[in-house]
Amino acid sequence: MFSFAKKLVDRFEGTGSAENSGPDSYFKNALQLNNKGHGLRVLNVVPHSLAHTNGFESWFDYIIKINGHELPMANPSLSAYPYSIHEGGYIVYQGNITPEQASAVDTELLRQEISTLAKNEKPLTFDVWNAKGGVVRQITVPLNKVQLENQASQDVQEDALNLFENIFTQIGLTIQSSHLSSANHVWRILKTHPGSPGFVSQLVPYSDYIIGCDSAFPEDVEGKGLLVSGGESLLSKVVASYYYHHFEITQVDEIPITLYVYNHDYDILRPVTVNLSKSWGNGHNRGVLGCDVGYGLLHRLPEVVGKFQNNSIVDDVIFESEAQNAEARPAQGYTAPPPPPLGAVIAPMAVPRPPVAQPPAGGAPPRSSATKKKKHIANTNALGGLSDYMNEELAKSKELDSQNNRGSSESLPPPPPPTKSS
């Protein structure tokens, strides 16, 4: 019985060998592609680029096919090797195969294909899998023949990887080869205990998902990208070790850490600074964060219904003002400047922090009725509505705690009547 239950969980979570794992409605058939489940994860989308205007979403999008076929893998024979996903989130292949070998893309073949399309003035079509509900959609991007030809002729001695990166740079994408199982590395907030750091920071139960965290100390160079893998216990281990490390240095109980939190109700990603503390409450096993979290099959990112209808533009910038909108609108004949040179983004590497926008110092101004379509969120101001929502949840939690306390005292049985003396 227990063996059957474990196999069922392994099937849906992608653990166990690839031969034994069955289809998963979340990943669709993507785990059968590209050496069993690899893709090009979109790390950043340049504003006003071709990628932006055609609806790419950073951090949650994975390119799984190009022009209707799988990605050209550098070692296609490795698709026959079974693998297992460790509890810590990393992948273990049989036969001494490394994840770097299994995820490597043949950049020269892909560069040649894209260049050929550009020369023949044909568009480039991507099949894109999105981590929010596992939605698969197609995105077609027109290619600029002159730009790509000029780029390829700038330096004939340039290696294929740099040429490949430059092509994607012109489209407006920063990408990284990654296994789709990395989309499971999210921790859902289930409960925030009253008075805890998570409660004070207004993390919203059942709607908020922690997808990454960084050190809040600017001098802490080693503290960037703290959640680079997965596993149910990773979050608690990271925040605990982070707290004790900086507590020994500062001797201050409240240690700030930056969490990157996705809210499903509003479909936005925001940075949240939480002051980790060990003395926020009484009792054992209360933790320095003060949250109950869920991880795994039942706590994946859910679909945002209607998000990708009508090929709407997906914006990463969620806090914006009229002045920012005016500055952001491209003038007639405007060409977006190229992004800074990229490093080697195809080989697996430490996952950088998600791209989020900081709220303005004076609070969030009203959202503009600007020209382009916005991502699917509730009909309210982005920051103001979310703050009201969090305050409402906070008030509900306090009221519930108060009712529970009153109920416990009111539910006591009345004292027994006095006994008569004989």
Protein backbone atom coordinates (compact mmCIF):
# COMPACT_ATOMS: atom_id res chain seq x y z
CA MET A 1 0.00 0.00 0.00
CA PHE A 2 2.72 2.45 0.98
CA SER A 3 4.78 1.40 -2.05
CA PHE A 4 1.84 2.18 -4.33
CA ALA A 5 1.33 5.59 -2.70
CA LYS A 6 5.02 6.45 -3.13
CA LYS A 7 4.95 5.46 -6.81
CA LEU A 8 1.86 7.60 -7.32
CA VAL A 9 3.54 10.64 -5.78
CA ASP A 10 6.73 9.97 -7.76
CA ARG A 11 4.68 9.82 -10.94
CA PHE A 12 3.13 13.24 -10.42
CA GLU A 13 6.17 14.96 -8.94
CA GLY A 14 8.62 13.73 -11.56
CA THR A 15 10.71 11.79 -9.06
CA GLY A 16 11.86 8.27 -9.66
CA SER A 17 13.28 7.06 -12.94
CA ALA A 18 12.09 8.54 -16.19
CA GLU A 19 11.07 5.08 -17.38
CA ASN A 20 8.69 4.59 -14.45
CA SER A 21 7.24 8.07 -14.35
CA GLY A 22 3.93 8.43 -16.16
CA PRO A 23 2.34 11.44 -17.82
CA ASP A 24 1.75 14.52 -15.72
CA SER A 25 -1.04 16.92 -16.64
CA TYR A 26 0.98 19.81 -15.21
CA PHE A 27 4.00 19.25 -17.44
CA LYS A 28 1.87 18.03 -20.38
CA ASN A 29 4.23 16.03 -22.63
CA ALA A 30 7.19 18.34 -21.98
CA LEU A 31 8.96 15.79 -19.79
CA GLN A 32 9.35 13.60 -22.88
CA LEU A 33 11.14 16.34 -24.83
CA ASN A 34 14.71 17.64 -24.88
CA ASN A 35 16.49 14.84 -23.01
CA LYS A 36 13.44 14.26 -20.83
CA GLY A 37 12.29 17.63 -19.64
CA HIS A 38 14.77 20.41 -20.37
CA GLY A 39 13.93 23.80 -21.80
CA LEU A 40 15.24 27.33 -22.19
CA ARG A 41 14.03 29.25 -19.16
CA VAL A 42 13.29 32.93 -19.77
CA LEU A 43 15.17 34.89 -17.11
CA ASN A 44 14.55 38.40 -18.42
CA VAL A 45 12.50 40.16 -21.09
CA VAL A 46 13.72 43.54 -22.37
CA PRO A 47 10.92 46.17 -22.32
CA HIS A 48 9.61 47.14 -25.79
CA SER A 49 11.56 44.30 -27.42
CA LEU A 50 10.11 41.74 -29.82
CA ALA A 51 9.89 39.26 -26.96
CA HIS A 52 7.99 41.74 -24.78
CA THR A 53 5.49 42.82 -27.42
CA ASN A 54 4.80 39.18 -28.29
CA GLY A 55 3.92 38.18 -24.73
CA PHE A 56 6.94 36.45 -23.18
CA GLU A 57 6.94 36.36 -19.37
CA SER A 58 10.20 36.27 -17.47
CA TRP A 59 10.94 33.63 -14.85
CA PHE A 60 7.82 31.52 -15.46
CA ASP A 61 8.21 30.80 -19.23
CA TYR A 62 10.22 27.85 -20.59
CA ILE A 63 10.86 27.42 -24.34
CA ILE A 64 10.36 23.70 -25.10
CA LYS A 65 10.13 23.70 -28.91
CA ILE A 66 11.35 25.90 -31.76
CA ASN A 67 9.64 25.85 -35.14
CA GLY A 68 7.60 22.79 -34.17
CA HIS A 69 10.50 20.54 -33.18
CA GLU A 70 12.45 19.80 -30.03
CA LEU A 71 15.49 21.83 -29.09
CA PRO A 72 18.66 20.51 -30.74
CA MET A 73 20.44 18.96 -27.76
CA ALA A 74 24.22 18.69 -27.81
CA ASN A 75 24.03 15.10 -26.48
CA PRO A 76 20.76 13.64 -27.81
CA SER A 77 21.76 10.09 -26.90
CA LEU A 78 21.37 11.01 -23.23
CA SER A 79 17.61 11.05 -23.67
CA ALA A 80 17.75 7.28 -23.14
CA TYR A 81 19.36 7.61 -19.70
CA PRO A 82 16.97 7.42 -16.74
CA TYR A 83 17.24 9.96 -13.97
CA SER A 84 15.79 10.66 -10.56
CA ILE A 85 15.09 13.94 -8.80
CA HIS A 86 16.68 14.10 -5.38
CA GLU A 87 14.77 15.36 -2.36
CA GLY A 88 16.94 18.47 -2.51
CA GLY A 89 15.69 19.27 -6.01
CA TYR A 90 18.74 18.34 -8.08
CA ILE A 91 18.73 15.68 -10.79
CA VAL A 92 20.81 12.50 -10.63
CA TYR A 93 21.46 10.62 -13.88
CA GLN A 94 22.59 7.03 -14.24
CA GLY A 95 25.86 6.24 -15.94
CA ASN A 96 27.83 9.16 -14.43
CA ILE A 97 26.02 11.65 -16.65
CA THR A 98 26.13 15.21 -15.33
CA PRO A 99 23.19 17.63 -15.48
CA GLU A 100 25.36 19.97 -17.53
CA GLN A 101 25.78 17.30 -20.21
CA ALA A 102 22.09 16.43 -20.27
CA SER A 103 20.91 20.05 -20.53
CA ALA A 104 23.44 21.31 -23.08
CA VAL A 105 21.87 22.74 -26.25
CA ASP A 106 23.60 22.57 -29.64
CA THR A 107 23.87 26.33 -30.05
CA GLU A 108 25.47 26.14 -33.49
CA LEU A 109 22.57 24.18 -35.01
CA LEU A 110 20.03 26.50 -33.41
CA ARG A 111 21.90 29.59 -34.54
CA GLN A 112 22.03 28.30 -38.12
CA GLU A 113 18.31 27.59 -38.09
CA ILE A 114 17.40 31.05 -36.80
CA SER A 115 19.75 32.74 -39.25
CA THR A 116 18.23 30.78 -42.15
CA LEU A 117 14.75 31.86 -41.12
CA ALA A 118 15.88 35.49 -41.00
CA LYS A 119 17.47 35.32 -44.45
CA ASN A 120 14.25 33.93 -45.90
CA GLU A 121 12.17 36.49 -43.97
CA LYS A 122 10.26 33.82 -42.08
CA PRO A 123 9.12 34.19 -38.47
CA LEU A 124 10.43 32.21 -35.53
CA THR A 125 7.84 30.13 -33.65
CA PHE A 126 8.28 29.05 -30.03
CA ASP A 127 6.29 26.51 -28.04
CA VAL A 128 6.35 27.95 -24.52
CA TRP A 129 5.44 26.12 -21.32
CA ASN A 130 4.42 28.37 -18.41
CA ALA A 131 4.88 27.34 -14.78
CA LYS A 132 1.54 28.90 -13.77
CA GLY A 133 -0.69 25.91 -14.26
CA GLY A 134 1.50 24.29 -16.92
CA VAL A 135 -0.10 26.18 -19.82
CA VAL A 136 1.49 25.65 -23.26
CA ARG A 137 1.13 28.35 -25.90
CA GLN A 138 2.77 29.34 -29.18
CA ILE A 139 4.56 32.64 -29.70
CA THR A 140 5.59 33.77 -33.18
CA VAL A 141 8.33 36.41 -33.42
CA PRO A 142 9.21 38.14 -36.72
CA LEU A 143 12.94 38.28 -37.41
CA ASN A 144 14.86 41.29 -38.68
CA LYS A 145 16.91 40.06 -41.61
CA VAL A 146 19.33 42.98 -41.73
CA GLN A 147 20.06 43.01 -38.00
CA LEU A 148 20.74 39.30 -37.74
CA GLU A 149 22.92 39.24 -40.86
CA ASN A 150 24.95 42.20 -39.58
CA GLN A 151 25.31 40.56 -36.20
CA ALA A 152 26.58 37.32 -37.72
CA SER A 153 29.11 39.16 -39.91
CA GLN A 154 30.56 41.34 -37.14
CA ASP A 155 33.09 38.76 -36.15
CA VAL A 156 33.43 35.58 -38.19
CA GLN A 157 35.74 34.18 -35.54
CA GLU A 158 33.17 34.54 -32.78
CA ASP A 159 32.14 31.21 -31.30
CA ALA A 160 28.68 29.74 -31.81
CA LEU A 161 27.59 30.32 -28.21
CA ASN A 162 28.20 34.08 -28.41
CA LEU A 163 26.45 34.32 -31.77
CA PHE A 164 23.53 32.35 -30.37
CA GLU A 165 23.29 34.67 -27.34
CA ASN A 166 23.47 37.76 -29.54
CA ILE A 167 20.55 36.51 -31.63
CA PHE A 168 18.39 36.04 -28.55
CA THR A 169 19.61 39.39 -27.24
CA GLN A 170 18.19 41.11 -30.32
CA ILE A 171 14.86 39.39 -29.75
CA GLY A 172 14.98 40.69 -26.17
CA LEU A 173 15.43 37.47 -24.20
CA THR A 174 17.89 36.31 -21.59
CA ILE A 175 17.66 32.54 -21.32
CA GLN A 176 19.13 29.63 -19.41
CA SER A 177 18.95 25.91 -20.05
CA SER A 178 17.03 24.38 -17.17
CA HIS A 179 14.97 21.30 -16.32
CA LEU A 180 11.24 21.97 -16.01
CA SER A 181 11.25 20.43 -12.53
CA SER A 182 12.75 23.74 -11.33
CA ALA A 183 9.21 25.16 -11.65
CA ASN A 184 8.34 23.05 -8.57
CA HIS A 185 10.76 25.01 -6.39
CA VAL A 186 8.07 27.16 -4.80
CA TRP A 187 6.82 27.27 -1.19
CA ARG A 188 3.19 28.14 -0.60
CA ILE A 189 2.26 30.12 2.51
CA LEU A 190 -0.37 28.11 4.39
CA LYS A 191 -0.46 29.96 7.71
CA THR A 192 1.29 32.87 9.40
CA HIS A 193 1.33 32.66 13.17
CA PRO A 194 0.13 35.84 14.93
CA GLY A 195 3.01 38.11 15.91
CA SER A 196 5.55 36.21 13.79
CA PRO A 197 7.87 37.89 11.26
CA GLY A 198 5.85 36.45 8.37
CA PHE A 199 2.62 37.70 9.94
CA VAL A 200 4.00 41.22 10.48
CA SER A 201 5.28 41.28 6.87
CA GLN A 202 1.73 40.52 5.69
CA LEU A 203 2.40 37.32 3.82
CA VAL A 204 -0.97 36.11 2.57
CA PRO A 205 -1.92 32.50 3.38
CA TYR A 206 -2.91 30.27 0.43
CA SER A 207 -2.31 33.08 -2.10
CA ASP A 208 1.41 33.83 -1.65
CA TYR A 209 4.21 31.62 -2.98
CA ILE A 210 7.87 32.15 -2.08
CA ILE A 211 9.92 31.54 -5.24
CA GLY A 212 13.31 32.89 -4.13
CA CYS A 213 15.19 34.94 -1.58
CA ASP A 214 18.30 37.11 -1.25
CA SER A 215 20.31 38.59 1.54
CA ALA A 216 19.11 42.04 2.61
CA PHE A 217 22.68 43.04 3.52
CA PRO A 218 24.34 44.82 0.56
CA GLU A 219 27.79 43.67 1.65
CA ASP A 220 26.69 40.02 1.73
CA VAL A 221 28.04 38.98 -1.66
CA GLU A 222 27.52 35.28 -0.94
CA GLY A 223 23.87 35.80 -0.02
CA LYS A 224 22.41 36.30 -3.49
CA GLY A 225 20.19 33.63 -4.98
CA LEU A 226 19.85 31.68 -1.75
CA LEU A 227 17.11 29.36 -3.04
CA VAL A 228 18.83 27.93 -6.11
CA SER A 229 17.44 24.40 -5.86
CA GLY A 230 14.40 22.82 -4.22
CA GLY A 231 13.16 20.44 -1.61
CA GLU A 232 10.54 20.76 1.10
CA SER A 233 13.04 21.55 3.86
CA LEU A 234 15.24 23.93 1.85
CA LEU A 235 13.40 27.12 2.82
CA SER A 236 13.53 26.43 6.55
CA LYS A 237 17.20 25.43 6.37
CA VAL A 238 18.14 28.54 4.41
CA VAL A 239 16.36 31.07 6.62
CA ALA A 240 17.59 29.39 9.82
CA SER A 241 21.24 29.27 8.73
CA TYR A 242 20.97 32.81 7.38
CA TYR A 243 19.56 34.06 10.69
CA TYR A 244 22.20 32.42 12.89
CA HIS A 245 25.03 33.49 10.60
CA HIS A 246 24.11 37.18 10.74
CA PHE A 247 23.04 37.03 14.39
CA GLU A 248 26.58 36.00 15.33
CA ILE A 249 27.91 39.01 13.43
CA THR A 250 25.43 41.69 14.51
CA GLN A 251 24.14 40.32 17.85
CA VAL A 252 20.76 41.74 16.84
CA ASP A 253 17.68 39.52 17.01
CA GLU A 254 15.85 40.92 13.98
CA ILE A 255 17.73 39.87 10.83
CA PRO A 256 16.26 41.20 7.53
CA ILE A 257 15.98 38.94 4.50
CA THR A 258 14.41 39.64 1.10
CA LEU A 259 11.82 37.14 -0.10
CA TYR A 260 10.52 37.14 -3.67
CA VAL A 261 6.83 36.39 -3.32
CA TYR A 262 4.34 35.61 -6.09
CA ASN A 263 0.68 36.36 -5.30
CA HIS A 264 -1.75 34.33 -7.38
CA ASP A 265 -4.85 36.44 -6.66
CA TYR A 266 -3.19 39.53 -8.15
CA ASP A 267 -0.76 37.68 -10.45
CA ILE A 268 2.16 39.83 -9.36
CA LEU A 269 5.64 39.23 -8.05
CA ARG A 270 6.91 41.47 -5.26
CA PRO A 271 9.91 41.70 -2.93
CA VAL A 272 9.07 41.36 0.76
CA THR A 273 11.55 42.21 3.49
CA VAL A 274 11.03 39.99 6.54
CA ASN A 275 12.83 40.58 9.84
CA LEU A 276 13.67 37.06 10.97
CA SER A 277 13.46 36.69 14.72
CA LYS A 278 13.75 33.95 17.31
CA SER A 279 12.00 35.84 20.12
CA TRP A 280 8.68 36.70 18.48
CA GLY A 281 6.65 34.20 20.54
CA ASN A 282 6.63 31.48 23.13
CA GLY A 283 6.79 27.76 22.67
CA HIS A 284 9.00 25.32 20.82
CA ASN A 285 9.47 24.84 17.07
CA ARG A 286 8.10 28.27 16.22
CA GLY A 287 10.85 29.04 13.69
CA VAL A 288 12.46 32.35 12.79
CA LEU A 289 9.97 32.99 9.96
CA GLY A 290 6.78 31.93 11.73
CA CYS A 291 5.01 30.42 8.71
CA ASP A 292 3.61 27.05 7.78
CA VAL A 293 4.44 26.31 4.14
CA GLY A 294 3.45 23.69 1.60
CA TYR A 295 5.68 22.20 -1.07
CA GLY A 296 5.21 19.70 -3.88
CA LEU A 297 2.36 18.28 -5.91
CA LEU A 298 -0.52 20.04 -4.14
CA HIS A 299 1.24 23.41 -3.98
CA ARG A 300 2.35 24.11 -7.53
CA LEU A 301 1.60 27.48 -9.06
CA PRO A 302 -2.01 27.43 -10.30
CA GLU A 303 -3.14 28.69 -13.67
CA VAL A 304 -4.19 32.33 -14.05
CA VAL A 305 -7.37 31.93 -16.10
CA GLY A 306 -7.45 34.20 -19.14
CA LYS A 307 -3.89 35.40 -18.72
CA PHE A 308 -2.70 34.56 -22.23
CA GLN A 309 -5.90 35.24 -24.12
CA ASN A 310 -5.67 37.47 -27.19
CA ASN A 311 -1.83 37.40 -27.00
CA SER A 312 -1.81 40.21 -24.45
CA ILE A 313 1.47 41.80 -23.39
CA VAL A 314 2.84 40.55 -20.08
CA ASP A 315 4.58 43.26 -18.07
CA ASP A 316 7.11 42.65 -15.32
CA VAL A 317 6.84 46.24 -14.05
CA ILE A 318 3.89 46.36 -11.65
CA PHE A 319 4.43 49.67 -9.87
CA GLU A 320 4.41 52.55 -12.30
CA SER A 321 3.36 56.20 -12.45
CA GLU A 322 2.16 58.51 -15.18
CA ALA A 323 5.67 59.97 -15.51
CA GLN A 324 7.18 56.51 -15.78
CA ASN A 325 4.62 55.56 -18.41
CA ALA A 326 5.43 58.69 -20.41
CA GLU A 327 9.13 57.93 -20.25
CA ALA A 328 8.56 54.29 -21.14
CA ARG A 329 6.47 54.89 -24.25
CA PRO A 330 8.64 54.51 -27.34
CA ALA A 331 8.65 57.52 -29.62
CA GLN A 332 8.02 57.17 -33.32
CA GLY A 333 10.95 55.46 -34.97
CA TYR A 334 12.34 54.47 -31.57
CA THR A 335 14.63 51.44 -31.40
CA ALA A 336 15.21 49.93 -28.00
CA PRO A 337 18.88 50.01 -27.03
CA PRO A 338 20.56 46.62 -26.86
CA PRO A 339 20.89 45.11 -23.39
CA PRO A 340 24.36 44.79 -21.82
CA PRO A 341 26.54 41.88 -22.96
CA LEU A 342 25.44 38.56 -21.57
CA GLY A 343 27.46 35.85 -19.96
CA ALA A 344 27.23 32.16 -20.82
CA VAL A 345 23.54 31.66 -20.22
CA ILE A 346 23.01 28.25 -21.79
CA ALA A 347 24.94 26.09 -19.35
CA PRO A 348 23.15 25.50 -16.03
CA MET A 349 24.20 27.99 -13.38
CA ALA A 350 23.01 29.48 -10.12
CA VAL A 351 19.55 30.89 -10.69
CA PRO A 352 19.53 34.70 -10.32
CA ARG A 353 16.83 36.52 -8.45
CA PRO A 354 13.53 37.08 -10.25
CA PRO A 355 12.98 40.44 -11.99
CA VAL A 356 10.64 42.52 -9.85
CA ALA A 357 9.98 46.21 -9.57
CA GLN A 358 10.43 48.20 -6.39
CA PRO A 359 7.46 50.32 -5.23
CA PRO A 360 7.96 54.09 -5.24
CA ALA A 361 8.90 55.72 -1.96
CA GLY A 362 5.75 57.80 -1.69
CA GLY A 363 3.33 54.92 -2.14
CA ALA A 364 1.73 53.62 -5.29
CA PRO A 365 0.11 56.18 -7.60
CA PRO A 366 -3.03 55.18 -9.48
CA ARG A 367 -2.46 52.87 -12.41
CA SER A 368 -2.46 54.53 -15.75
CA SER A 369 -5.10 53.84 -18.37
CA ALA A 370 -2.17 53.39 -20.66
CA THR A 371 -2.35 52.04 -24.12
CA LYS A 372 -1.07 48.49 -23.78
CA LYS A 373 -2.84 45.59 -22.16
CA LYS A 374 -1.87 44.65 -18.65
CA LYS A 375 -1.53 41.28 -17.07
CA HIS A 376 -4.65 39.70 -15.61
CA ILE A 377 -5.06 41.07 -12.07
CA ALA A 378 -7.90 42.25 -9.88
CA ASN A 379 -9.58 45.52 -10.85
CA THR A 380 -7.74 47.77 -8.39
CA ASN A 381 -4.51 49.68 -7.94
CA ALA A 382 -1.59 47.26 -7.88
CA LEU A 383 0.04 48.28 -4.62
CA GLY A 384 -2.92 49.93 -2.90
CA GLY A 385 -5.29 47.06 -3.64
CA LEU A 386 -2.76 44.46 -2.54
CA SER A 387 -2.09 46.35 0.70
CA ASP A 388 -5.83 46.59 1.40
CA TYR A 389 -6.15 42.89 0.67
CA MET A 390 -3.31 42.03 3.06
CA ASN A 391 -4.73 44.29 5.78
CA GLU A 392 -8.11 42.63 5.37
CA GLU A 393 -6.56 39.17 5.70
CA LEU A 394 -4.63 40.40 8.75
CA ALA A 395 -7.84 41.68 10.37
CA LYS A 396 -9.63 38.42 9.62
CA SER A 397 -6.83 36.45 11.23
CA LYS A 398 -6.88 38.62 14.36
CA GLU A 399 -10.67 38.34 14.60
CA LEU A 400 -10.49 34.56 14.21
CA ASP A 401 -7.88 34.33 16.95
CA SER A 402 -10.05 36.50 19.21
CA GLN A 403 -13.10 34.32 18.55
CA ASN A 404 -11.12 31.20 19.28
CA ASN A 405 -9.93 32.65 22.58
CA ARG A 406 -13.47 33.69 23.56
CA GLY A 407 -14.84 30.35 22.45
CA SER A 408 -12.36 28.47 24.58
CA SER A 409 -13.39 30.38 27.72
CA GLU A 410 -17.12 30.34 26.95
CA SER A 411 -17.15 26.63 26.19
CA LEU A 412 -16.05 25.68 29.72
CA PRO A 413 -18.76 23.69 31.56
CA PRO A 414 -20.45 25.39 34.52
CA PRO A 415 -19.20 24.45 37.96
CA PRO A 416 -21.06 21.62 39.69
CA PRO A 417 -23.75 22.55 42.26
CA PRO A 418 -22.69 22.57 45.91
CA THR A 419 -23.18 19.26 47.68
CA LYS A 420 -25.66 19.10 50.52
CA SER A 421 -24.28 18.23 53.86
CA SER A 422 -25.91 15.29 55.48
